[in-house]
Amino acid sequence: DGSRSVPIRGGKLLGSLQSLQHLSSAMDSLDTLSNTLRAQINPLHASGINPLGNTGVNFFNDVVPPDLPTGARDFNLSDEVLASPDAIVSGVSGAPGDGGLALQFSELRNTKLAGLGNKSMLEYWRGTVTGVASESSFYKITHESHGAIVEQVQSQIDAVSGVSLDDEMAELVKFQRSYQAAARVLSILDSTTEDLLGMLR
């Protein structure tokens, strides 16, 4: 009726919901990193002059306010940079050999940023990748161990209620030998009876 919450304590449905939650968390982390890269790099890049003599050029694609950043979904270089590498800015003056902005770009690699939880971009990226890898490894090991437990329990069930082909074959051979022995006894009895009747005649 849309007003009650039903707890899901196990099964494939719980696993699927947990996977969606972990996936959503990882995607949010990538969106945060992508938006932070745009916010840090683009203003610096736009403040310089490229070899073509242009200024105000973004390095990464971005949206125009009041639109919100789109995260990692369409993260890419700006149209100007994609069109020509000469659109890339390395300095404020645009003069050959001016690498002042390029140096600032490289320093951002290890700069602690509040938007990333007071981590550098490199630290944040490593943390995101390590977290995904750790969770993946944990659930893979858990899946394998639970699979082994299921196999062990099934083996115990089969040992009690299952049919052993070797045991059944041994039983068949035993019954076959018993039948052959009984047939032999009847054959001897029949022959002996015939002999006795023949003597009485």
N, C-alpha and C. Protein backbone atom coordinates (compact mmCIF):
# COMPACT_ATOMS: atom_id res chain seq x y z
N ASP A 1 0.82 -1.22 0.00
CA ASP A 1 0.00 0.00 0.00
C ASP A 1 0.86 1.27 0.00
N GLY A 2 2.16 1.09 -0.13
CA GLY A 2 3.06 2.23 -0.24
C GLY A 2 3.43 2.87 1.08
N SER A 3 2.98 2.31 2.19
CA SER A 3 3.28 2.94 3.49
C SER A 3 4.02 2.02 4.43
N ARG A 4 4.34 0.82 3.99
CA ARG A 4 5.03 -0.13 4.86
C ARG A 4 6.38 -0.51 4.28
N SER A 5 7.33 -0.76 5.15
CA SER A 5 8.65 -1.24 4.75
C SER A 5 8.76 -2.71 5.13
N VAL A 6 9.21 -3.51 4.17
CA VAL A 6 9.36 -4.94 4.40
C VAL A 6 10.85 -5.27 4.48
N PRO A 7 11.31 -5.78 5.63
CA PRO A 7 12.74 -6.12 5.74
C PRO A 7 13.09 -7.32 4.87
N ILE A 8 14.19 -7.21 4.15
CA ILE A 8 14.68 -8.31 3.32
C ILE A 8 15.98 -8.79 3.96
N ARG A 9 15.95 -10.00 4.49
CA ARG A 9 17.06 -10.47 5.32
C ARG A 9 18.03 -11.39 4.59
N GLY A 10 17.70 -11.82 3.40
CA GLY A 10 18.61 -12.72 2.72
C GLY A 10 18.11 -13.05 1.33
N GLY A 11 18.80 -13.97 0.67
CA GLY A 11 18.40 -14.41 -0.65
C GLY A 11 18.99 -13.55 -1.76
N LYS A 12 18.62 -13.91 -2.99
CA LYS A 12 19.14 -13.22 -4.16
C LYS A 12 18.68 -11.76 -4.22
N LEU A 13 17.46 -11.51 -3.74
CA LEU A 13 16.95 -10.15 -3.78
C LEU A 13 17.79 -9.22 -2.92
N LEU A 14 18.15 -9.67 -1.70
CA LEU A 14 18.99 -8.86 -0.83
C LEU A 14 20.35 -8.63 -1.48
N GLY A 15 20.91 -9.68 -2.07
CA GLY A 15 22.20 -9.52 -2.74
C GLY A 15 22.15 -8.52 -3.88
N SER A 16 21.06 -8.56 -4.66
CA SER A 16 20.91 -7.61 -5.76
C SER A 16 20.78 -6.18 -5.25
N LEU A 17 20.00 -5.99 -4.18
CA LEU A 17 19.83 -4.64 -3.62
C LEU A 17 21.14 -4.11 -3.05
N GLN A 18 21.89 -4.97 -2.37
CA GLN A 18 23.19 -4.54 -1.83
C GLN A 18 24.16 -4.20 -2.95
N SER A 19 24.12 -4.98 -4.04
CA SER A 19 24.99 -4.68 -5.18
C SER A 19 24.66 -3.31 -5.77
N LEU A 20 23.37 -3.00 -5.87
CA LEU A 20 22.96 -1.69 -6.39
C LEU A 20 23.46 -0.57 -5.49
N GLN A 21 23.40 -0.79 -4.17
CA GLN A 21 23.86 0.23 -3.23
C GLN A 21 25.37 0.46 -3.37
N HIS A 22 26.13 -0.63 -3.46
CA HIS A 22 27.59 -0.50 -3.60
C HIS A 22 27.93 0.16 -4.94
N LEU A 23 27.20 -0.22 -6.00
CA LEU A 23 27.45 0.36 -7.32
C LEU A 23 27.14 1.85 -7.31
N SER A 24 26.03 2.22 -6.68
CA SER A 24 25.66 3.63 -6.59
C SER A 24 26.70 4.43 -5.82
N SER A 25 27.24 3.84 -4.75
CA SER A 25 28.27 4.52 -3.96
C SER A 25 29.53 4.74 -4.78
N ALA A 26 29.94 3.72 -5.54
CA ALA A 26 31.14 3.84 -6.37
C ALA A 26 30.93 4.89 -7.47
N MET A 27 29.74 4.92 -8.05
CA MET A 27 29.44 5.91 -9.09
C MET A 27 29.44 7.32 -8.52
N ASP A 28 28.93 7.48 -7.30
CA ASP A 28 28.94 8.79 -6.65
C ASP A 28 30.38 9.27 -6.43
N SER A 29 31.24 8.34 -6.05
CA SER A 29 32.65 8.70 -5.83
C SER A 29 33.30 9.17 -7.13
N LEU A 30 33.02 8.47 -8.22
CA LEU A 30 33.57 8.88 -9.52
C LEU A 30 33.00 10.22 -9.97
N ASP A 31 31.71 10.45 -9.71
CA ASP A 31 31.10 11.74 -10.04
C ASP A 31 31.77 12.86 -9.26
N THR A 32 32.01 12.62 -7.98
CA THR A 32 32.65 13.64 -7.14
C THR A 32 34.04 13.97 -7.66
N LEU A 33 34.80 12.94 -8.01
CA LEU A 33 36.16 13.16 -8.52
C LEU A 33 36.11 13.92 -9.85
N SER A 34 35.19 13.54 -10.74
CA SER A 34 35.09 14.19 -12.05
C SER A 34 34.72 15.66 -11.90
N ASN A 35 33.73 15.94 -11.06
CA ASN A 35 33.30 17.32 -10.86
C ASN A 35 34.39 18.16 -10.19
N THR A 36 35.15 17.54 -9.29
CA THR A 36 36.24 18.25 -8.64
C THR A 36 37.35 18.57 -9.63
N LEU A 37 37.64 17.64 -10.52
CA LEU A 37 38.65 17.89 -11.56
C LEU A 37 38.23 19.08 -12.42
N ARG A 38 36.97 19.07 -12.84
CA ARG A 38 36.49 20.21 -13.64
C ARG A 38 36.64 21.53 -12.88
N ALA A 39 36.17 21.49 -11.61
CA ALA A 39 36.15 22.72 -10.81
C ALA A 39 37.55 23.25 -10.53
N GLN A 40 38.55 22.37 -10.45
CA GLN A 40 39.91 22.80 -10.13
C GLN A 40 40.70 23.17 -11.39
N ILE A 41 40.55 22.40 -12.45
CA ILE A 41 41.37 22.59 -13.65
C ILE A 41 40.82 23.69 -14.55
N ASN A 42 39.50 23.69 -14.78
CA ASN A 42 38.95 24.62 -15.77
C ASN A 42 39.21 26.10 -15.47
N PRO A 43 39.00 26.57 -14.23
CA PRO A 43 39.28 28.01 -13.97
C PRO A 43 40.75 28.36 -14.22
N LEU A 44 41.66 27.48 -13.81
CA LEU A 44 43.08 27.73 -14.06
C LEU A 44 43.37 27.77 -15.55
N HIS A 45 42.84 26.79 -16.26
CA HIS A 45 43.08 26.70 -17.71
C HIS A 45 42.50 27.90 -18.44
N ALA A 46 41.31 28.33 -18.01
CA ALA A 46 40.64 29.45 -18.68
C ALA A 46 41.34 30.78 -18.40
N SER A 47 42.16 30.83 -17.36
CA SER A 47 42.84 32.09 -17.02
C SER A 47 44.06 32.35 -17.89
N GLY A 48 44.51 31.34 -18.63
CA GLY A 48 45.71 31.50 -19.44
C GLY A 48 45.39 31.73 -20.91
N ILE A 49 46.45 31.91 -21.68
CA ILE A 49 46.35 32.13 -23.13
C ILE A 49 47.04 30.96 -23.83
N ASN A 50 46.34 30.35 -24.78
CA ASN A 50 46.92 29.21 -25.49
C ASN A 50 47.73 29.69 -26.70
N PRO A 51 48.45 28.79 -27.37
CA PRO A 51 49.26 29.18 -28.54
C PRO A 51 48.45 29.80 -29.67
N LEU A 52 47.14 29.59 -29.68
CA LEU A 52 46.30 30.19 -30.71
C LEU A 52 45.91 31.62 -30.36
N GLY A 53 46.30 32.08 -29.14
CA GLY A 53 45.98 33.43 -28.70
C GLY A 53 44.63 33.54 -28.03
N ASN A 54 44.00 32.40 -27.73
CA ASN A 54 42.67 32.42 -27.11
C ASN A 54 42.79 32.27 -25.60
N THR A 55 41.85 32.88 -24.90
CA THR A 55 41.75 32.71 -23.45
C THR A 55 40.31 32.34 -23.09
N GLY A 56 40.11 31.94 -21.84
CA GLY A 56 38.76 31.53 -21.43
C GLY A 56 38.38 30.15 -21.94
N VAL A 57 39.35 29.35 -22.32
CA VAL A 57 39.08 28.01 -22.86
C VAL A 57 39.14 26.99 -21.72
N ASN A 58 38.09 26.20 -21.58
CA ASN A 58 38.09 25.12 -20.59
C ASN A 58 38.90 23.94 -21.08
N PHE A 59 39.51 23.22 -20.14
CA PHE A 59 40.22 22.00 -20.50
C PHE A 59 39.25 20.81 -20.58
N PHE A 60 38.36 20.72 -19.59
CA PHE A 60 37.34 19.66 -19.59
C PHE A 60 35.99 20.24 -19.99
N ASN A 61 35.13 19.38 -20.55
CA ASN A 61 33.77 19.82 -20.87
C ASN A 61 33.04 20.17 -19.58
N ASP A 62 32.14 21.13 -19.65
CA ASP A 62 31.44 21.57 -18.44
C ASP A 62 30.07 22.11 -18.84
N VAL A 63 29.22 22.33 -17.86
CA VAL A 63 27.89 22.89 -18.11
C VAL A 63 27.89 24.35 -17.70
N VAL A 64 26.93 25.05 -18.21
CA VAL A 64 26.80 26.48 -17.89
C VAL A 64 25.84 26.63 -16.72
N PRO A 65 26.25 27.33 -15.63
CA PRO A 65 25.33 27.55 -14.51
C PRO A 65 24.04 28.21 -15.01
N PRO A 66 22.90 27.91 -14.43
CA PRO A 66 22.71 27.18 -13.16
C PRO A 66 22.63 25.66 -13.29
N ASP A 67 22.92 25.12 -14.49
CA ASP A 67 22.91 23.66 -14.64
C ASP A 67 23.97 23.05 -13.73
N LEU A 68 23.67 21.85 -13.22
CA LEU A 68 24.57 21.17 -12.31
C LEU A 68 25.56 20.31 -13.08
N PRO A 69 26.78 20.15 -12.55
CA PRO A 69 27.76 19.26 -13.20
C PRO A 69 27.21 17.85 -13.36
N THR A 70 27.59 17.21 -14.44
CA THR A 70 27.02 15.89 -14.77
C THR A 70 27.87 14.73 -14.27
N GLY A 71 28.98 15.01 -13.61
CA GLY A 71 29.79 13.92 -13.06
C GLY A 71 30.58 13.18 -14.12
N ALA A 72 30.76 11.88 -13.90
CA ALA A 72 31.61 11.07 -14.77
C ALA A 72 30.88 10.54 -16.00
N ARG A 73 29.56 10.74 -16.05
CA ARG A 73 28.77 10.14 -17.13
C ARG A 73 29.25 10.57 -18.51
N ASP A 74 29.53 11.87 -18.69
CA ASP A 74 29.98 12.37 -19.99
C ASP A 74 31.32 13.11 -19.85
N PHE A 75 32.10 12.71 -18.87
CA PHE A 75 33.38 13.38 -18.61
C PHE A 75 34.29 13.27 -19.83
N ASN A 76 34.79 14.42 -20.29
CA ASN A 76 35.62 14.42 -21.50
C ASN A 76 36.38 15.74 -21.58
N LEU A 77 37.25 15.83 -22.55
CA LEU A 77 37.91 17.10 -22.83
C LEU A 77 36.90 18.07 -23.43
N SER A 78 37.20 19.34 -23.36
CA SER A 78 36.31 20.34 -23.96
C SER A 78 36.37 20.22 -25.48
N ASP A 79 35.37 20.78 -26.16
CA ASP A 79 35.33 20.72 -27.62
C ASP A 79 36.54 21.38 -28.24
N GLU A 80 36.99 22.50 -27.65
CA GLU A 80 38.15 23.21 -28.21
C GLU A 80 39.42 22.35 -28.13
N VAL A 81 39.63 21.70 -27.00
CA VAL A 81 40.83 20.88 -26.83
C VAL A 81 40.76 19.63 -27.70
N LEU A 82 39.55 19.07 -27.84
CA LEU A 82 39.39 17.92 -28.73
C LEU A 82 39.67 18.29 -30.18
N ALA A 83 39.33 19.52 -30.54
CA ALA A 83 39.52 19.96 -31.93
C ALA A 83 41.00 20.20 -32.25
N SER A 84 41.77 20.68 -31.26
CA SER A 84 43.18 20.98 -31.54
C SER A 84 43.99 20.97 -30.26
N PRO A 85 45.13 20.30 -30.23
CA PRO A 85 45.99 20.34 -29.04
C PRO A 85 46.57 21.73 -28.80
N ASP A 86 46.54 22.61 -29.82
CA ASP A 86 47.03 23.99 -29.63
C ASP A 86 46.11 24.79 -28.74
N ALA A 87 44.91 24.25 -28.44
CA ALA A 87 44.00 24.96 -27.55
C ALA A 87 44.38 24.78 -26.08
N ILE A 88 45.31 23.87 -25.81
CA ILE A 88 45.73 23.62 -24.43
C ILE A 88 46.61 24.75 -23.93
N VAL A 89 46.31 25.22 -22.73
CA VAL A 89 47.04 26.33 -22.12
C VAL A 89 48.10 25.78 -21.18
N SER A 90 49.30 26.35 -21.26
CA SER A 90 50.37 25.96 -20.33
C SER A 90 50.86 27.13 -19.49
N GLY A 91 50.53 28.33 -19.91
CA GLY A 91 50.98 29.51 -19.17
C GLY A 91 49.99 30.65 -19.25
N VAL A 92 50.25 31.67 -18.47
CA VAL A 92 49.34 32.82 -18.42
C VAL A 92 49.53 33.72 -19.63
N SER A 93 50.76 33.85 -20.11
CA SER A 93 51.06 34.79 -21.18
C SER A 93 50.85 34.21 -22.57
N GLY A 94 50.92 32.89 -22.68
CA GLY A 94 50.83 32.27 -24.00
C GLY A 94 52.14 32.27 -24.75
N ALA A 95 53.18 32.85 -24.15
CA ALA A 95 54.49 32.91 -24.79
C ALA A 95 55.15 31.54 -24.76
N PRO A 96 55.96 31.21 -25.78
CA PRO A 96 56.67 29.92 -25.77
C PRO A 96 57.54 29.78 -24.52
N GLY A 97 57.47 28.62 -23.89
CA GLY A 97 58.26 28.36 -22.71
C GLY A 97 57.58 28.76 -21.41
N ASP A 98 56.43 29.41 -21.49
CA ASP A 98 55.69 29.78 -20.27
C ASP A 98 54.91 28.54 -19.80
N GLY A 99 55.39 27.94 -18.72
CA GLY A 99 54.74 26.73 -18.18
C GLY A 99 54.22 26.92 -16.77
N GLY A 100 53.92 28.15 -16.42
CA GLY A 100 53.47 28.44 -15.06
C GLY A 100 52.18 27.72 -14.70
N LEU A 101 51.21 27.72 -15.60
CA LEU A 101 49.95 27.03 -15.32
C LEU A 101 50.13 25.51 -15.33
N ALA A 102 50.97 25.03 -16.22
CA ALA A 102 51.22 23.59 -16.26
C ALA A 102 51.78 23.10 -14.93
N LEU A 103 52.65 23.92 -14.32
CA LEU A 103 53.21 23.57 -13.02
C LEU A 103 52.10 23.54 -11.96
N GLN A 104 51.19 24.50 -12.02
CA GLN A 104 50.08 24.50 -11.06
C GLN A 104 49.17 23.29 -11.26
N PHE A 105 48.97 22.89 -12.52
CA PHE A 105 48.17 21.69 -12.79
C PHE A 105 48.80 20.48 -12.13
N SER A 106 50.12 20.35 -12.26
CA SER A 106 50.80 19.18 -11.71
C SER A 106 50.76 19.17 -10.19
N GLU A 107 50.78 20.37 -9.57
CA GLU A 107 50.74 20.46 -8.11
C GLU A 107 49.38 20.05 -7.56
N LEU A 108 48.32 20.17 -8.37
CA LEU A 108 46.99 19.78 -7.92
C LEU A 108 46.90 18.28 -7.64
N ARG A 109 47.80 17.54 -8.24
CA ARG A 109 47.81 16.08 -8.08
C ARG A 109 47.86 15.67 -6.61
N ASN A 110 48.65 16.41 -5.82
CA ASN A 110 48.84 16.05 -4.41
C ASN A 110 48.29 17.10 -3.45
N THR A 111 47.45 18.01 -3.95
CA THR A 111 46.87 19.05 -3.10
C THR A 111 45.64 18.51 -2.37
N LYS A 112 45.59 18.69 -1.05
CA LYS A 112 44.43 18.25 -0.27
C LYS A 112 43.24 19.17 -0.57
N LEU A 113 42.10 18.55 -0.89
CA LEU A 113 40.92 19.31 -1.26
C LEU A 113 39.75 18.98 -0.34
N ALA A 114 39.06 20.02 0.14
CA ALA A 114 37.94 19.82 1.07
C ALA A 114 36.82 19.02 0.41
N GLY A 115 36.60 19.25 -0.89
CA GLY A 115 35.53 18.55 -1.60
C GLY A 115 35.76 17.05 -1.71
N LEU A 116 36.99 16.63 -1.48
CA LEU A 116 37.33 15.20 -1.55
C LEU A 116 37.62 14.65 -0.15
N GLY A 117 37.04 15.26 0.86
CA GLY A 117 37.27 14.78 2.22
C GLY A 117 38.67 15.06 2.71
N ASN A 118 39.24 16.20 2.29
CA ASN A 118 40.60 16.60 2.66
C ASN A 118 41.64 15.59 2.16
N LYS A 119 41.37 15.03 0.99
CA LYS A 119 42.32 14.14 0.32
C LYS A 119 42.73 14.75 -1.01
N SER A 120 43.89 14.31 -1.48
CA SER A 120 44.29 14.75 -2.82
C SER A 120 43.53 13.94 -3.86
N MET A 121 43.56 14.41 -5.09
CA MET A 121 42.87 13.68 -6.16
C MET A 121 43.43 12.27 -6.30
N LEU A 122 44.74 12.15 -6.19
CA LEU A 122 45.36 10.84 -6.31
C LEU A 122 44.94 9.92 -5.17
N GLU A 123 44.93 10.45 -3.95
CA GLU A 123 44.52 9.65 -2.80
C GLU A 123 43.05 9.24 -2.91
N TYR A 124 42.22 10.17 -3.36
CA TYR A 124 40.79 9.88 -3.49
C TYR A 124 40.56 8.81 -4.54
N TRP A 125 41.26 8.91 -5.66
CA TRP A 125 41.13 7.91 -6.74
C TRP A 125 41.58 6.55 -6.26
N ARG A 126 42.73 6.52 -5.61
CA ARG A 126 43.24 5.23 -5.10
C ARG A 126 42.28 4.63 -4.08
N GLY A 127 41.73 5.48 -3.20
CA GLY A 127 40.78 4.99 -2.21
C GLY A 127 39.53 4.40 -2.85
N THR A 128 39.03 5.06 -3.90
CA THR A 128 37.84 4.57 -4.60
C THR A 128 38.11 3.22 -5.25
N VAL A 129 39.22 3.13 -5.98
CA VAL A 129 39.55 1.88 -6.68
C VAL A 129 39.83 0.76 -5.68
N THR A 130 40.58 1.08 -4.63
CA THR A 130 40.89 0.07 -3.61
C THR A 130 39.63 -0.42 -2.91
N GLY A 131 38.70 0.51 -2.63
CA GLY A 131 37.45 0.12 -1.98
C GLY A 131 36.63 -0.82 -2.83
N VAL A 132 36.52 -0.53 -4.13
CA VAL A 132 35.77 -1.40 -5.04
C VAL A 132 36.45 -2.77 -5.14
N ALA A 133 37.78 -2.76 -5.27
CA ALA A 133 38.52 -4.02 -5.38
C ALA A 133 38.39 -4.86 -4.11
N SER A 134 38.46 -4.19 -2.96
CA SER A 134 38.36 -4.89 -1.68
C SER A 134 36.98 -5.53 -1.51
N GLU A 135 35.93 -4.78 -1.83
CA GLU A 135 34.58 -5.33 -1.72
C GLU A 135 34.38 -6.49 -2.69
N SER A 136 34.88 -6.32 -3.90
CA SER A 136 34.75 -7.39 -4.89
C SER A 136 35.44 -8.66 -4.42
N SER A 137 36.67 -8.52 -3.88
CA SER A 137 37.40 -9.67 -3.38
C SER A 137 36.69 -10.32 -2.20
N PHE A 138 36.15 -9.48 -1.28
CA PHE A 138 35.46 -10.00 -0.11
C PHE A 138 34.25 -10.84 -0.52
N TYR A 139 33.44 -10.31 -1.41
CA TYR A 139 32.22 -11.03 -1.80
C TYR A 139 32.54 -12.26 -2.66
N LYS A 140 33.62 -12.20 -3.42
CA LYS A 140 34.02 -13.38 -4.19
C LYS A 140 34.44 -14.51 -3.26
N ILE A 141 35.25 -14.19 -2.24
CA ILE A 141 35.68 -15.20 -1.27
C ILE A 141 34.48 -15.73 -0.49
N THR A 142 33.57 -14.81 -0.10
CA THR A 142 32.37 -15.23 0.63
C THR A 142 31.52 -16.17 -0.20
N HIS A 143 31.37 -15.85 -1.47
CA HIS A 143 30.59 -16.70 -2.38
C HIS A 143 31.22 -18.09 -2.50
N GLU A 144 32.54 -18.13 -2.63
CA GLU A 144 33.22 -19.42 -2.77
C GLU A 144 33.11 -20.24 -1.50
N SER A 145 33.25 -19.60 -0.33
CA SER A 145 33.17 -20.33 0.93
C SER A 145 31.75 -20.85 1.17
N HIS A 146 30.75 -20.05 0.85
CA HIS A 146 29.36 -20.51 1.00
C HIS A 146 29.07 -21.64 0.03
N GLY A 147 29.65 -21.56 -1.18
CA GLY A 147 29.47 -22.65 -2.14
C GLY A 147 30.06 -23.95 -1.63
N ALA A 148 31.24 -23.85 -0.97
CA ALA A 148 31.87 -25.05 -0.41
C ALA A 148 31.02 -25.64 0.72
N ILE A 149 30.42 -24.77 1.53
CA ILE A 149 29.55 -25.25 2.62
C ILE A 149 28.33 -25.97 2.04
N VAL A 150 27.74 -25.39 1.00
CA VAL A 150 26.58 -26.03 0.36
C VAL A 150 26.95 -27.41 -0.18
N GLU A 151 28.11 -27.50 -0.82
CA GLU A 151 28.55 -28.79 -1.36
C GLU A 151 28.77 -29.81 -0.25
N GLN A 152 29.35 -29.36 0.87
CA GLN A 152 29.59 -30.27 1.99
C GLN A 152 28.28 -30.77 2.59
N VAL A 153 27.32 -29.86 2.78
CA VAL A 153 26.02 -30.26 3.32
C VAL A 153 25.31 -31.22 2.37
N GLN A 154 25.40 -30.93 1.06
CA GLN A 154 24.75 -31.82 0.08
C GLN A 154 25.39 -33.20 0.09
N SER A 155 26.71 -33.25 0.29
CA SER A 155 27.39 -34.55 0.37
C SER A 155 26.92 -35.33 1.59
N GLN A 156 26.74 -34.63 2.71
CA GLN A 156 26.25 -35.29 3.91
C GLN A 156 24.82 -35.81 3.72
N ILE A 157 23.99 -35.02 3.02
CA ILE A 157 22.62 -35.47 2.73
C ILE A 157 22.64 -36.70 1.84
N ASP A 158 23.49 -36.67 0.82
CA ASP A 158 23.57 -37.81 -0.11
C ASP A 158 24.08 -39.06 0.60
N ALA A 159 24.99 -38.85 1.58
CA ALA A 159 25.53 -40.01 2.30
C ALA A 159 24.45 -40.72 3.10
N VAL A 160 23.44 -39.97 3.55
CA VAL A 160 22.37 -40.56 4.35
C VAL A 160 21.22 -41.06 3.48
N SER A 161 20.79 -40.22 2.54
CA SER A 161 19.59 -40.56 1.78
C SER A 161 19.86 -40.90 0.32
N GLY A 162 21.04 -40.68 -0.13
CA GLY A 162 21.33 -40.92 -1.53
C GLY A 162 21.57 -42.39 -1.84
N VAL A 163 21.67 -42.70 -3.12
CA VAL A 163 21.90 -44.07 -3.60
C VAL A 163 23.34 -44.20 -4.08
N SER A 164 24.05 -45.20 -3.52
CA SER A 164 25.41 -45.48 -3.96
C SER A 164 25.37 -46.55 -5.04
N LEU A 165 25.87 -46.26 -6.20
CA LEU A 165 25.85 -47.23 -7.30
C LEU A 165 26.68 -48.46 -6.97
N ASP A 166 27.79 -48.29 -6.28
CA ASP A 166 28.63 -49.44 -5.90
C ASP A 166 27.88 -50.37 -4.96
N ASP A 167 27.20 -49.77 -3.95
CA ASP A 167 26.43 -50.60 -3.00
C ASP A 167 25.31 -51.34 -3.71
N GLU A 168 24.62 -50.64 -4.60
CA GLU A 168 23.51 -51.27 -5.32
C GLU A 168 24.00 -52.41 -6.22
N MET A 169 25.15 -52.22 -6.85
CA MET A 169 25.72 -53.27 -7.70
C MET A 169 26.10 -54.49 -6.86
N ALA A 170 26.67 -54.23 -5.69
CA ALA A 170 27.03 -55.35 -4.80
C ALA A 170 25.79 -56.12 -4.38
N GLU A 171 24.70 -55.40 -4.08
CA GLU A 171 23.44 -56.06 -3.72
C GLU A 171 22.89 -56.90 -4.87
N LEU A 172 22.98 -56.36 -6.09
CA LEU A 172 22.49 -57.10 -7.26
C LEU A 172 23.28 -58.39 -7.47
N VAL A 173 24.59 -58.29 -7.32
CA VAL A 173 25.43 -59.50 -7.48
C VAL A 173 25.08 -60.53 -6.41
N LYS A 174 24.85 -60.06 -5.17
CA LYS A 174 24.48 -60.98 -4.08
C LYS A 174 23.17 -61.70 -4.39
N PHE A 175 22.17 -60.95 -4.84
CA PHE A 175 20.88 -61.57 -5.16
C PHE A 175 21.00 -62.51 -6.36
N GLN A 176 21.85 -62.12 -7.30
CA GLN A 176 22.04 -63.00 -8.47
C GLN A 176 22.66 -64.33 -8.06
N ARG A 177 23.66 -64.28 -7.19
CA ARG A 177 24.30 -65.52 -6.72
C ARG A 177 23.30 -66.36 -5.90
N SER A 178 22.48 -65.68 -5.10
CA SER A 178 21.48 -66.42 -4.31
C SER A 178 20.48 -67.12 -5.22
N TYR A 179 20.07 -66.43 -6.26
CA TYR A 179 19.12 -67.03 -7.22
C TYR A 179 19.74 -68.24 -7.91
N GLN A 180 21.00 -68.07 -8.32
CA GLN A 180 21.68 -69.19 -8.99
C GLN A 180 21.82 -70.40 -8.06
N ALA A 181 22.12 -70.14 -6.77
CA ALA A 181 22.26 -71.25 -5.81
C ALA A 181 20.92 -71.94 -5.59
N ALA A 182 19.84 -71.13 -5.47
CA ALA A 182 18.51 -71.73 -5.27
C ALA A 182 18.10 -72.56 -6.50
N ALA A 183 18.40 -72.04 -7.68
CA ALA A 183 18.07 -72.79 -8.90
C ALA A 183 18.84 -74.09 -8.96
N ARG A 184 20.09 -74.05 -8.50
CA ARG A 184 20.91 -75.27 -8.51
C ARG A 184 20.33 -76.32 -7.54
N VAL A 185 19.90 -75.85 -6.35
CA VAL A 185 19.31 -76.77 -5.36
C VAL A 185 18.06 -77.41 -5.92
N LEU A 186 17.21 -76.61 -6.57
CA LEU A 186 15.99 -77.15 -7.15
C LEU A 186 16.29 -78.13 -8.28
N SER A 187 17.32 -77.84 -9.03
CA SER A 187 17.68 -78.75 -10.13
C SER A 187 18.15 -80.11 -9.58
N ILE A 188 18.97 -80.06 -8.50
CA ILE A 188 19.45 -81.31 -7.89
C ILE A 188 18.29 -82.08 -7.26
N LEU A 189 17.36 -81.34 -6.59
CA LEU A 189 16.21 -81.99 -5.97
C LEU A 189 15.33 -82.65 -7.02
N ASP A 190 15.16 -81.96 -8.15
CA ASP A 190 14.35 -82.52 -9.23
C ASP A 190 15.00 -83.79 -9.78
N SER A 191 16.32 -83.74 -9.93
CA SER A 191 17.03 -84.91 -10.46
C SER A 191 16.97 -86.08 -9.48
N THR A 192 17.13 -85.77 -8.19
CA THR A 192 17.08 -86.82 -7.17
C THR A 192 15.69 -87.45 -7.10
N THR A 193 14.67 -86.61 -7.18
CA THR A 193 13.30 -87.11 -7.15
C THR A 193 13.02 -88.04 -8.32
N GLU A 194 13.50 -87.68 -9.50
CA GLU A 194 13.32 -88.52 -10.69
C GLU A 194 14.00 -89.87 -10.51
N ASP A 195 15.20 -89.84 -9.92
CA ASP A 195 15.92 -91.10 -9.69
C ASP A 195 15.16 -92.00 -8.71
N LEU A 196 14.60 -91.43 -7.63
CA LEU A 196 13.88 -92.21 -6.64
C LEU A 196 12.61 -92.82 -7.24
N LEU A 197 11.90 -92.01 -8.02
CA LEU A 197 10.70 -92.53 -8.68
C LEU A 197 11.04 -93.63 -9.65
N GLY A 198 12.17 -93.48 -10.30
CA GLY A 198 12.58 -94.52 -11.24
C GLY A 198 12.92 -95.83 -10.52
N MET A 199 13.48 -95.77 -9.33
CA MET A 199 13.82 -96.97 -8.57
C MET A 199 12.55 -97.66 -8.06
N LEU A 200 11.52 -96.87 -7.71
CA LEU A 200 10.27 -97.49 -7.23
C LEU A 200 9.49 -98.17 -8.34
N ARG A 201 9.64 -97.74 -9.51
CA ARG A 201 8.94 -98.36 -10.62
C ARG A 201 9.56 -99.72 -10.93
